[in-house]
Amino acid sequence: MKIIIAGSMQFSDKMIEVKYSLETLGHHVIIDKFIENYAGKSDAEIEVAKNHDRMNDSAAKIFWGSMVDREAI
């Protein structure tokens, strides 16, 4: 099964954990490419990183593109 995990970057550690769990069950899992940048950070650090990604990298648009790109899914 193909699964996309999306959510607040406040839950990045949990989303990564769930991704790996689903992959061990044989699923194809897509997460935001920016999510690794948030893993293991404090809430304050996450807020700074989110603002940076939002302003400089258009993180939401990039992730949306990966969801609608037929080859990525």
C-alpha atoms as a PDB file:
ATOM      1  CA  MET A   1       0.000   0.000   0.000  1.00  0.00           C
ATOM      2  CA  LYS A   2       1.159   3.562  -0.680  1.00  0.00           C
ATOM      3  CA  ILE A   3       0.812   5.851   2.322  1.00  0.00           C
ATOM      4  CA  ILE A   4       1.502   9.555   2.770  1.00  0.00           C
ATOM      5  CA  ILE A   5       2.180  10.779   6.294  1.00  0.00           C
ATOM      6  CA  ALA A   6       1.523  14.473   6.838  1.00  0.00           C
ATOM      7  CA  GLY A   7       1.205  16.523   9.978  1.00  0.00           C
ATOM      8  CA  SER A   8       2.677  19.187  12.158  1.00  0.00           C
ATOM      9  CA  MET A   9       6.456  19.184  12.329  1.00  0.00           C
ATOM     10  CA  GLN A  10       6.000  19.141  16.116  1.00  0.00           C
ATOM     11  CA  PHE A  11       5.381  15.410  15.595  1.00  0.00           C
ATOM     12  CA  SER A  12       8.328  14.778  13.253  1.00  0.00           C
ATOM     13  CA  ASP A  13       9.918  12.160  15.517  1.00  0.00           C
ATOM     14  CA  LYS A  14       6.663  10.191  15.692  1.00  0.00           C
ATOM     15  CA  MET A  15       6.035  10.473  11.934  1.00  0.00           C
ATOM     16  CA  ILE A  16       9.506   9.067  11.226  1.00  0.00           C
ATOM     17  CA  GLU A  17       8.891   6.246  13.691  1.00  0.00           C
ATOM     18  CA  VAL A  18       5.558   5.373  12.058  1.00  0.00           C
ATOM     19  CA  LYS A  19       7.129   5.557   8.590  1.00  0.00           C
ATOM     20  CA  TYR A  20       9.752   2.974   9.488  1.00  0.00           C
ATOM     21  CA  SER A  21       7.151   0.745  11.152  1.00  0.00           C
ATOM     22  CA  LEU A  22       4.965   0.828   8.046  1.00  0.00           C
ATOM     23  CA  GLU A  23       7.929   0.164   5.759  1.00  0.00           C
ATOM     24  CA  THR A  24       8.843  -2.953   7.742  1.00  0.00           C
ATOM     25  CA  LEU A  25       5.330  -4.169   6.959  1.00  0.00           C
ATOM     26  CA  GLY A  26       6.015  -3.689   3.242  1.00  0.00           C
ATOM     27  CA  HIS A  27       4.270  -0.368   2.636  1.00  0.00           C
ATOM     28  CA  HIS A  28       5.622   2.456   0.460  1.00  0.00           C
ATOM     29  CA  VAL A  29       5.610   5.543   2.696  1.00  0.00           C
ATOM     30  CA  ILE A  30       6.105   9.174   1.678  1.00  0.00           C
ATOM     31  CA  ILE A  31       6.944  11.854   4.220  1.00  0.00           C
ATOM     32  CA  ASP A  32       7.931  15.474   3.801  1.00  0.00           C
ATOM     33  CA  LYS A  33      11.589  15.693   2.725  1.00  0.00           C
ATOM     34  CA  PHE A  34      12.082  18.428   5.337  1.00  0.00           C
ATOM     35  CA  ILE A  35      10.980  16.218   8.234  1.00  0.00           C
ATOM     36  CA  GLU A  36      14.461  14.907   8.992  1.00  0.00           C
ATOM     37  CA  ASN A  37      15.502  18.525   9.726  1.00  0.00           C
ATOM     38  CA  TYR A  38      13.032  18.605  12.617  1.00  0.00           C
ATOM     39  CA  ALA A  39      13.771  15.272  14.273  1.00  0.00           C
ATOM     40  CA  GLY A  40      15.159  15.521  17.777  1.00  0.00           C
ATOM     41  CA  LYS A  41      14.694  19.282  18.089  1.00  0.00           C
ATOM     42  CA  SER A  42      12.935  21.232  20.815  1.00  0.00           C
ATOM     43  CA  ASP A  43       9.612  22.939  20.144  1.00  0.00           C
ATOM     44  CA  ALA A  44      11.380  26.326  19.950  1.00  0.00           C
ATOM     45  CA  GLU A  45      13.933  25.003  17.439  1.00  0.00           C
ATOM     46  CA  ILE A  46      11.133  23.475  15.377  1.00  0.00           C
ATOM     47  CA  GLU A  47       9.297  26.806  15.219  1.00  0.00           C
ATOM     48  CA  VAL A  48      12.431  28.562  13.952  1.00  0.00           C
ATOM     49  CA  ALA A  49      13.003  25.852  11.337  1.00  0.00           C
ATOM     50  CA  LYS A  50       9.343  25.924  10.245  1.00  0.00           C
ATOM     51  CA  ASN A  51       9.465  29.661   9.715  1.00  0.00           C
ATOM     52  CA  HIS A  52      12.681  29.334   7.715  1.00  0.00           C
ATOM     53  CA  ASP A  53      11.269  26.551   5.513  1.00  0.00           C
ATOM     54  CA  ARG A  54       7.997  28.410   5.048  1.00  0.00           C
ATOM     55  CA  MET A  55       9.743  31.592   3.913  1.00  0.00           C
ATOM     56  CA  ASN A  56      12.764  30.262   2.037  1.00  0.00           C
ATOM     57  CA  ASP A  57      12.005  26.807   0.735  1.00  0.00           C
ATOM     58  CA  SER A  58       8.235  26.778   0.162  1.00  0.00           C
ATOM     59  CA  ALA A  59       8.147  23.532   2.126  1.00  0.00           C
ATOM     60  CA  ALA A  60       4.372  23.087   1.841  1.00  0.00           C
ATOM     61  CA  LYS A  61       4.424  23.535  -1.943  1.00  0.00           C
ATOM     62  CA  ILE A  62       7.271  21.065  -2.336  1.00  0.00           C
ATOM     63  CA  PHE A  63       5.490  18.455  -0.212  1.00  0.00           C
ATOM     64  CA  TRP A  64       2.216  19.037  -2.057  1.00  0.00           C
ATOM     65  CA  GLY A  65       4.092  18.501  -5.312  1.00  0.00           C
ATOM     66  CA  SER A  66       5.392  15.163  -4.071  1.00  0.00           C
ATOM     67  CA  MET A  67       1.849  14.096  -3.195  1.00  0.00           C
ATOM     68  CA  VAL A  68       0.398  14.903  -6.609  1.00  0.00           C
ATOM     69  CA  ASP A  69       3.378  13.682  -8.628  1.00  0.00           C
ATOM     70  CA  ARG A  70       2.195  10.334  -9.957  1.00  0.00           C
ATOM     71  CA  GLU A  71       5.752   8.987 -10.152  1.00  0.00           C
ATOM     72  CA  ALA A  72       6.473   9.810  -6.494  1.00  0.00           C
ATOM     73  CA  ILE A  73       3.344   8.000  -5.352  1.00  0.00           C
END
